[in-house]
Structure formats: C-alpha cells, structure tokens
N, C-alpha and C. Protein backbone atom coordinates (compact mmCIF):
# COMPACT_ATOMS: atom_id res chain seq x y z
N MET A 1 35.91 -8.12 1.55
CA MET A 1 35.73 -9.48 2.01
C MET A 1 36.46 -10.46 1.11
N LYS A 2 36.45 -10.17 -0.20
CA LYS A 2 37.12 -11.06 -1.13
C LYS A 2 38.63 -11.03 -0.91
N SER A 3 39.17 -9.86 -0.56
CA SER A 3 40.62 -9.78 -0.32
C SER A 3 41.02 -10.58 0.92
N VAL A 4 40.16 -10.61 1.93
CA VAL A 4 40.45 -11.40 3.13
C VAL A 4 40.47 -12.89 2.78
N ARG A 5 39.50 -13.31 1.98
CA ARG A 5 39.46 -14.72 1.56
C ARG A 5 40.68 -15.09 0.75
N LEU A 6 41.09 -14.21 -0.14
CA LEU A 6 42.28 -14.48 -0.94
C LEU A 6 43.53 -14.54 -0.07
N LEU A 7 43.63 -13.64 0.89
CA LEU A 7 44.77 -13.63 1.80
C LEU A 7 44.82 -14.91 2.64
N LEU A 8 43.68 -15.32 3.17
CA LEU A 8 43.63 -16.55 3.97
C LEU A 8 43.91 -17.78 3.10
N GLY A 9 43.38 -17.78 1.88
CA GLY A 9 43.66 -18.89 0.97
C GLY A 9 45.14 -18.98 0.64
N GLY A 10 45.78 -17.83 0.40
CA GLY A 10 47.22 -17.82 0.13
C GLY A 10 48.02 -18.30 1.32
N ALA A 11 47.62 -17.88 2.52
CA ALA A 11 48.31 -18.34 3.73
C ALA A 11 48.14 -19.84 3.90
N GLY A 12 46.97 -20.35 3.59
CA GLY A 12 46.75 -21.79 3.68
C GLY A 12 47.61 -22.56 2.69
N LEU A 13 47.70 -22.08 1.46
CA LEU A 13 48.56 -22.74 0.46
C LEU A 13 50.03 -22.70 0.87
N LEU A 14 50.45 -21.58 1.45
CA LEU A 14 51.83 -21.47 1.93
C LEU A 14 52.11 -22.49 3.03
N LEU A 15 51.16 -22.64 3.95
CA LEU A 15 51.35 -23.61 5.03
C LEU A 15 51.34 -25.04 4.50
N ILE A 16 50.54 -25.32 3.49
CA ILE A 16 50.55 -26.65 2.88
C ILE A 16 51.91 -26.92 2.25
N ALA A 17 52.47 -25.91 1.59
CA ALA A 17 53.79 -26.08 0.98
C ALA A 17 54.86 -26.32 2.04
N VAL A 18 54.80 -25.59 3.15
CA VAL A 18 55.77 -25.79 4.23
C VAL A 18 55.63 -27.21 4.80
N GLY A 19 54.39 -27.65 5.01
CA GLY A 19 54.17 -29.00 5.52
C GLY A 19 54.67 -30.06 4.55
N GLY A 20 54.43 -29.86 3.26
CA GLY A 20 54.92 -30.81 2.27
C GLY A 20 56.44 -30.88 2.25
N ARG A 21 57.08 -29.72 2.38
CA ARG A 21 58.55 -29.70 2.41
C ARG A 21 59.07 -30.42 3.64
N LEU A 22 58.47 -30.16 4.80
CA LEU A 22 58.89 -30.84 6.03
C LEU A 22 58.65 -32.35 5.93
N LEU A 23 57.56 -32.74 5.31
CA LEU A 23 57.26 -34.16 5.14
C LEU A 23 58.30 -34.81 4.23
N ALA A 24 58.71 -34.10 3.17
CA ALA A 24 59.70 -34.65 2.25
C ALA A 24 61.07 -34.79 2.91
N GLU A 25 61.36 -33.99 3.93
CA GLU A 25 62.65 -34.05 4.61
C GLU A 25 62.73 -35.19 5.63
N LEU A 26 61.62 -35.81 5.96
CA LEU A 26 61.63 -36.90 6.93
C LEU A 26 62.31 -38.12 6.34
N PRO A 27 62.99 -38.91 7.20
CA PRO A 27 63.63 -40.12 6.68
C PRO A 27 62.61 -41.15 6.19
N ASP A 28 61.46 -41.24 6.86
CA ASP A 28 60.42 -42.18 6.44
C ASP A 28 59.06 -41.49 6.48
N PRO A 29 58.70 -40.76 5.40
CA PRO A 29 57.43 -40.02 5.41
C PRO A 29 56.20 -40.93 5.37
N LEU A 30 56.40 -42.22 5.04
CA LEU A 30 55.26 -43.13 4.97
C LEU A 30 54.58 -43.29 6.32
N ASP A 31 55.35 -43.29 7.40
CA ASP A 31 54.76 -43.40 8.74
C ASP A 31 53.80 -42.24 9.03
N VAL A 32 54.20 -41.04 8.65
CA VAL A 32 53.36 -39.86 8.87
C VAL A 32 52.11 -39.95 8.00
N LEU A 33 52.26 -40.38 6.76
CA LEU A 33 51.10 -40.50 5.87
C LEU A 33 50.12 -41.56 6.37
N VAL A 34 50.64 -42.66 6.90
CA VAL A 34 49.76 -43.70 7.47
C VAL A 34 49.03 -43.15 8.69
N TRP A 35 49.75 -42.40 9.54
CA TRP A 35 49.12 -41.81 10.72
C TRP A 35 48.03 -40.83 10.31
N MET A 36 48.30 -40.00 9.31
CA MET A 36 47.30 -39.03 8.85
C MET A 36 46.09 -39.75 8.25
N GLY A 37 46.33 -40.81 7.49
CA GLY A 37 45.22 -41.59 6.94
C GLY A 37 44.39 -42.23 8.04
N GLY A 38 45.08 -42.74 9.06
CA GLY A 38 44.36 -43.31 10.20
C GLY A 38 43.52 -42.28 10.92
N ALA A 39 44.04 -41.06 11.03
CA ALA A 39 43.27 -39.98 11.67
C ALA A 39 42.01 -39.66 10.89
N VAL A 40 42.12 -39.65 9.56
CA VAL A 40 40.94 -39.38 8.73
C VAL A 40 39.92 -40.50 8.88
N VAL A 41 40.37 -41.73 8.84
CA VAL A 41 39.46 -42.87 8.99
C VAL A 41 38.81 -42.86 10.38
N LEU A 42 39.60 -42.59 11.42
CA LEU A 42 39.06 -42.53 12.78
C LEU A 42 38.00 -41.44 12.89
N HIS A 43 38.29 -40.26 12.34
CA HIS A 43 37.33 -39.16 12.44
C HIS A 43 36.07 -39.46 11.62
N ASP A 44 36.25 -39.77 10.34
CA ASP A 44 35.10 -39.94 9.46
C ASP A 44 34.34 -41.24 9.70
N GLY A 45 35.03 -42.26 10.18
CA GLY A 45 34.38 -43.55 10.36
C GLY A 45 33.82 -43.79 11.75
N ILE A 46 34.37 -43.12 12.76
CA ILE A 46 33.93 -43.39 14.14
C ILE A 46 33.43 -42.13 14.84
N ILE A 47 34.28 -41.11 14.92
CA ILE A 47 33.94 -39.94 15.73
C ILE A 47 32.74 -39.18 15.17
N ALA A 48 32.77 -38.85 13.88
CA ALA A 48 31.66 -38.08 13.29
C ALA A 48 30.33 -38.82 13.37
N PRO A 49 30.26 -40.12 13.04
CA PRO A 49 28.97 -40.81 13.19
C PRO A 49 28.48 -40.86 14.65
N LEU A 50 29.41 -41.01 15.60
CA LEU A 50 29.00 -41.01 17.01
C LEU A 50 28.44 -39.65 17.43
N VAL A 51 29.08 -38.58 16.97
CA VAL A 51 28.59 -37.24 17.32
C VAL A 51 27.21 -37.01 16.69
N LEU A 52 27.03 -37.44 15.44
CA LEU A 52 25.73 -37.28 14.80
C LEU A 52 24.65 -38.11 15.50
N ALA A 53 24.99 -39.32 15.89
CA ALA A 53 24.01 -40.16 16.60
C ALA A 53 23.65 -39.54 17.95
N ALA A 54 24.64 -39.00 18.65
CA ALA A 54 24.36 -38.35 19.93
C ALA A 54 23.48 -37.12 19.72
N GLY A 55 23.73 -36.37 18.66
CA GLY A 55 22.89 -35.21 18.36
C GLY A 55 21.45 -35.60 18.08
N LEU A 56 21.26 -36.69 17.34
CA LEU A 56 19.90 -37.16 17.09
C LEU A 56 19.22 -37.65 18.36
N ALA A 57 19.99 -38.32 19.22
CA ALA A 57 19.41 -38.83 20.46
C ALA A 57 19.04 -37.70 21.41
N VAL A 58 19.78 -36.60 21.36
CA VAL A 58 19.55 -35.49 22.28
C VAL A 58 18.47 -34.55 21.75
N ALA A 59 18.12 -34.65 20.48
CA ALA A 59 17.18 -33.69 19.87
C ALA A 59 15.83 -33.65 20.59
N ALA A 60 15.39 -34.75 21.16
CA ALA A 60 14.08 -34.79 21.79
C ALA A 60 14.13 -34.54 23.30
N VAL A 61 15.31 -34.36 23.86
CA VAL A 61 15.46 -34.13 25.30
C VAL A 61 15.05 -32.70 25.63
N PRO A 62 14.24 -32.49 26.68
CA PRO A 62 13.81 -31.13 27.02
C PRO A 62 14.98 -30.17 27.31
N ALA A 63 15.98 -30.61 28.03
CA ALA A 63 17.12 -29.75 28.38
C ALA A 63 18.29 -30.05 27.44
N ARG A 64 18.02 -30.03 26.13
CA ARG A 64 19.04 -30.47 25.18
C ARG A 64 20.27 -29.56 25.17
N GLY A 65 20.13 -28.29 25.44
CA GLY A 65 21.30 -27.41 25.50
C GLY A 65 22.24 -27.81 26.62
N LEU A 66 21.67 -28.14 27.75
CA LEU A 66 22.46 -28.58 28.89
C LEU A 66 23.13 -29.93 28.60
N VAL A 67 22.40 -30.84 27.99
CA VAL A 67 22.96 -32.15 27.66
C VAL A 67 24.06 -32.00 26.62
N ARG A 68 23.85 -31.14 25.62
CA ARG A 68 24.90 -30.90 24.63
C ARG A 68 26.16 -30.35 25.29
N GLY A 69 25.99 -29.42 26.21
CA GLY A 69 27.15 -28.86 26.91
C GLY A 69 27.90 -29.92 27.71
N ALA A 70 27.16 -30.79 28.38
CA ALA A 70 27.78 -31.85 29.17
C ALA A 70 28.51 -32.84 28.25
N LEU A 71 27.88 -33.18 27.12
CA LEU A 71 28.53 -34.10 26.17
C LEU A 71 29.77 -33.47 25.56
N LEU A 72 29.70 -32.20 25.25
CA LEU A 72 30.87 -31.51 24.70
C LEU A 72 32.01 -31.48 25.71
N THR A 73 31.68 -31.18 26.96
CA THR A 73 32.70 -31.16 28.02
C THR A 73 33.31 -32.55 28.19
N ALA A 74 32.47 -33.56 28.22
CA ALA A 74 32.98 -34.93 28.37
C ALA A 74 33.85 -35.32 27.18
N GLY A 75 33.44 -34.96 25.99
CA GLY A 75 34.24 -35.29 24.81
C GLY A 75 35.60 -34.64 24.82
N VAL A 76 35.67 -33.37 25.21
CA VAL A 76 36.95 -32.68 25.28
C VAL A 76 37.83 -33.30 26.36
N LEU A 77 37.25 -33.63 27.50
CA LEU A 77 38.03 -34.27 28.56
C LEU A 77 38.62 -35.60 28.10
N VAL A 78 37.82 -36.38 27.39
CA VAL A 78 38.32 -37.68 26.90
C VAL A 78 39.41 -37.47 25.85
N LEU A 79 39.22 -36.51 24.94
CA LEU A 79 40.23 -36.27 23.91
C LEU A 79 41.55 -35.78 24.49
N VAL A 80 41.49 -35.01 25.56
CA VAL A 80 42.71 -34.51 26.17
C VAL A 80 43.40 -35.62 26.96
N THR A 81 42.64 -36.47 27.60
CA THR A 81 43.20 -37.49 28.49
C THR A 81 43.59 -38.77 27.75
N LEU A 82 42.91 -39.08 26.66
CA LEU A 82 43.13 -40.35 25.97
C LEU A 82 44.58 -40.58 25.55
N PRO A 83 45.30 -39.60 25.01
CA PRO A 83 46.70 -39.87 24.66
C PRO A 83 47.55 -40.29 25.87
N LEU A 84 47.26 -39.74 27.04
CA LEU A 84 48.00 -40.15 28.23
C LEU A 84 47.67 -41.58 28.63
N LEU A 85 46.41 -41.97 28.42
CA LEU A 85 46.00 -43.31 28.81
C LEU A 85 46.49 -44.38 27.83
N LEU A 86 46.58 -44.02 26.55
CA LEU A 86 46.94 -45.00 25.53
C LEU A 86 48.43 -45.02 25.21
N ARG A 87 49.20 -44.20 25.90
CA ARG A 87 50.63 -44.14 25.63
C ARG A 87 51.27 -45.48 25.96
N PRO A 88 52.00 -46.06 25.00
CA PRO A 88 52.60 -47.37 25.27
C PRO A 88 53.79 -47.25 26.20
N GLY A 89 53.95 -48.23 27.05
CA GLY A 89 55.09 -48.28 27.96
C GLY A 89 54.99 -47.28 29.09
N THR A 90 56.05 -47.20 29.84
CA THR A 90 56.11 -46.25 30.95
C THR A 90 56.82 -44.99 30.47
N PRO A 91 56.40 -43.84 30.98
CA PRO A 91 57.06 -42.60 30.55
C PRO A 91 58.50 -42.54 31.05
N PRO A 92 59.37 -41.86 30.32
CA PRO A 92 60.76 -41.76 30.75
C PRO A 92 60.92 -40.98 32.06
N ASN A 93 59.98 -40.08 32.31
CA ASN A 93 60.01 -39.31 33.55
C ASN A 93 58.89 -39.82 34.45
N PRO A 94 59.20 -40.38 35.62
CA PRO A 94 58.15 -40.94 36.48
C PRO A 94 57.11 -39.92 36.93
N SER A 95 57.46 -38.64 36.93
CA SER A 95 56.49 -37.64 37.36
C SER A 95 55.54 -37.24 36.23
N ALA A 96 55.71 -37.79 35.01
CA ALA A 96 54.85 -37.43 33.90
C ALA A 96 53.43 -37.97 34.10
N LEU A 97 53.31 -39.17 34.60
CA LEU A 97 52.00 -39.78 34.86
C LEU A 97 51.95 -40.32 36.29
N PRO A 98 51.95 -39.45 37.29
CA PRO A 98 52.02 -39.94 38.66
C PRO A 98 50.68 -40.43 39.21
N LEU A 99 49.58 -40.15 38.54
CA LEU A 99 48.26 -40.46 39.07
C LEU A 99 47.55 -41.50 38.21
N PRO A 100 46.54 -42.16 38.76
CA PRO A 100 45.74 -43.11 37.96
C PRO A 100 44.76 -42.35 37.06
N TYR A 101 45.19 -42.02 35.85
CA TYR A 101 44.40 -41.16 34.98
C TYR A 101 43.10 -41.81 34.52
N GLY A 102 43.07 -43.12 34.37
CA GLY A 102 41.83 -43.79 33.98
C GLY A 102 40.74 -43.60 35.02
N ARG A 103 41.08 -43.86 36.26
CA ARG A 103 40.12 -43.68 37.35
C ARG A 103 39.71 -42.21 37.48
N ASN A 104 40.69 -41.32 37.39
CA ASN A 104 40.39 -39.90 37.55
C ASN A 104 39.51 -39.37 36.41
N LEU A 105 39.73 -39.88 35.20
CA LEU A 105 38.87 -39.48 34.08
C LEU A 105 37.43 -39.91 34.35
N LEU A 106 37.25 -41.13 34.83
CA LEU A 106 35.90 -41.59 35.14
C LEU A 106 35.26 -40.74 36.25
N LEU A 107 36.05 -40.36 37.24
CA LEU A 107 35.51 -39.52 38.32
C LEU A 107 35.10 -38.13 37.80
N VAL A 108 35.91 -37.56 36.93
CA VAL A 108 35.57 -36.24 36.39
C VAL A 108 34.35 -36.33 35.47
N LEU A 109 34.26 -37.39 34.67
CA LEU A 109 33.09 -37.56 33.82
C LEU A 109 31.83 -37.76 34.67
N ALA A 110 31.95 -38.48 35.78
CA ALA A 110 30.81 -38.64 36.69
C ALA A 110 30.42 -37.29 37.29
N ALA A 111 31.41 -36.47 37.64
CA ALA A 111 31.12 -35.14 38.19
C ALA A 111 30.41 -34.27 37.16
N VAL A 112 30.81 -34.36 35.89
CA VAL A 112 30.14 -33.60 34.83
C VAL A 112 28.69 -34.05 34.71
N ALA A 113 28.47 -35.37 34.75
CA ALA A 113 27.10 -35.89 34.64
C ALA A 113 26.25 -35.46 35.83
N VAL A 114 26.81 -35.51 37.03
CA VAL A 114 26.06 -35.11 38.23
C VAL A 114 25.74 -33.62 38.18
N ALA A 115 26.71 -32.81 37.76
CA ALA A 115 26.48 -31.37 37.68
C ALA A 115 25.40 -31.05 36.64
N ALA A 116 25.44 -31.72 35.49
CA ALA A 116 24.41 -31.49 34.47
C ALA A 116 23.05 -31.93 34.98
N GLY A 117 23.00 -33.08 35.67
CA GLY A 117 21.72 -33.54 36.22
C GLY A 117 21.18 -32.59 37.27
N ALA A 118 22.06 -32.07 38.11
CA ALA A 118 21.63 -31.11 39.14
C ALA A 118 21.12 -29.82 38.50
N MET A 119 21.81 -29.35 37.47
CA MET A 119 21.36 -28.12 36.80
C MET A 119 20.01 -28.34 36.12
N ALA A 120 19.81 -29.52 35.53
CA ALA A 120 18.53 -29.82 34.90
C ALA A 120 17.42 -29.89 35.95
N ALA A 121 17.71 -30.48 37.10
CA ALA A 121 16.71 -30.58 38.16
C ALA A 121 16.34 -29.20 38.71
N VAL A 122 17.34 -28.35 38.88
CA VAL A 122 17.06 -26.99 39.36
C VAL A 122 16.24 -26.22 38.32
N GLY A 123 16.57 -26.38 37.06
CA GLY A 123 15.79 -25.72 36.01
C GLY A 123 14.35 -26.20 35.97
N ARG A 124 14.16 -27.51 36.13
CA ARG A 124 12.80 -28.07 36.15
C ARG A 124 12.04 -27.56 37.37
N TRP A 125 12.72 -27.50 38.52
CA TRP A 125 12.07 -27.03 39.74
C TRP A 125 11.68 -25.57 39.61
N ARG A 126 12.57 -24.75 39.05
CA ARG A 126 12.26 -23.33 38.88
C ARG A 126 11.10 -23.11 37.92
N SER A 127 11.02 -23.90 36.87
CA SER A 127 9.94 -23.70 35.90
C SER A 127 8.60 -24.18 36.44
N SER A 128 8.61 -25.06 37.46
CA SER A 128 7.35 -25.54 38.01
C SER A 128 6.78 -24.61 39.09
N ARG A 129 7.61 -23.72 39.62
CA ARG A 129 7.14 -22.78 40.65
C ARG A 129 6.37 -21.64 40.00
N PRO A 130 5.32 -21.17 40.66
CA PRO A 130 4.59 -20.02 40.11
C PRO A 130 5.42 -18.75 40.25
N GLY A 131 5.32 -17.89 39.25
CA GLY A 131 6.04 -16.63 39.28
C GLY A 131 5.30 -15.62 40.14
N PRO A 132 5.86 -14.42 40.29
CA PRO A 132 5.18 -13.40 41.08
C PRO A 132 3.85 -13.01 40.43
N GLY A 133 2.82 -12.98 41.23
CA GLY A 133 1.48 -12.60 40.73
C GLY A 133 0.71 -13.76 40.12
N GLU A 134 1.32 -14.95 40.04
CA GLU A 134 0.61 -16.10 39.50
C GLU A 134 0.04 -16.93 40.64
N ALA A 135 -1.09 -17.55 40.38
CA ALA A 135 -1.70 -18.42 41.40
C ALA A 135 -0.98 -19.76 41.38
N ALA A 136 -0.88 -20.33 42.56
CA ALA A 136 -0.29 -21.65 42.66
C ALA A 136 -1.21 -22.67 42.01
N PRO A 137 -0.68 -23.70 41.33
CA PRO A 137 -1.56 -24.69 40.72
C PRO A 137 -2.37 -25.43 41.77
N ALA A 138 -3.60 -25.74 41.42
CA ALA A 138 -4.50 -26.43 42.36
C ALA A 138 -4.04 -27.85 42.55
N ALA A 139 -4.24 -28.38 43.76
CA ALA A 139 -3.88 -29.77 44.04
C ALA A 139 -4.80 -30.68 43.26
N SER A 140 -4.35 -31.89 43.00
CA SER A 140 -5.11 -32.81 42.15
C SER A 140 -6.45 -33.21 42.79
N GLY A 141 -6.58 -33.17 44.12
CA GLY A 141 -7.81 -33.55 44.77
C GLY A 141 -8.81 -32.41 44.90
N ASP A 142 -8.42 -31.16 44.68
CA ASP A 142 -9.31 -29.99 44.81
C ASP A 142 -10.15 -29.81 43.55
N LYS A 143 -11.37 -29.27 43.74
CA LYS A 143 -12.24 -28.96 42.60
C LYS A 143 -12.78 -27.59 42.71
C-alpha cells in the first residue's frame, strides 16, 4: 500500500512540474494565475458553503437520499451548462449554440424536481400500504 502511495505521489509531483513548465512558457502567465485564484475563491467562498448549507437543510428531510440525488443531478447539470450560458459574445460557429440553453436548463431542472417528487410520493404511498399478512389500519372513526 505504501508503494502505491509513493507511486501516486511521484506521478502527482511530475504532473505539477509539467504544469509549471507549461505555465512558464505562456506569454502572460498572470492571466492563468488570476483565473486559478478566482476558481479557488469561487469554490471555497461560494460553492462549498452552499453545498454544506444544502446538506444541513436536507438532513431532516425523510427522503434525504432522494433529495440529495436530485440536488446532485441539478448541480451537475448547472455546472455543465453554465459555461455555455455565460460565454461572452456569439459563438464563431452558429451551430454551436442553436437552442435557448437558459430556458432548456430550467425545463430540465423542473423535470428533475418533478421526477424526484414523484419518486418520493410513490415511496410514501408504498410505505403506507399494508404488506402481505398485515391488517389494514383501522379508519379514524372505527373503535
């Protein structure tokens, strides 16, 4: 196990060296460093706290596994689509963005929410039904 860790650590150091060399060959490496710093600030200052807050909010939900899955799916969809939505200007190839991606992202996110809600409702309905050999619950007016 120790040899695997050493091998992976060496591979990581080699890749850092390759990245540093490529960065040094750029005409203006400051732009890349600013972008990387912005990515760290965006992740640590916005994305990570939002994910932690969502996790705390979901902790008390009965179907929290289902809600986590829906939130994870929605997050991945937004991360994949956001660069297309935030791209400045028009693309050089008109077929690159032929559809209204903002509207379509909202429609797909709504479909994810509806599917998660339907799965939660089916799960709740199944758990309320008596199993084989169990008596049906008495009506509230019966004694």
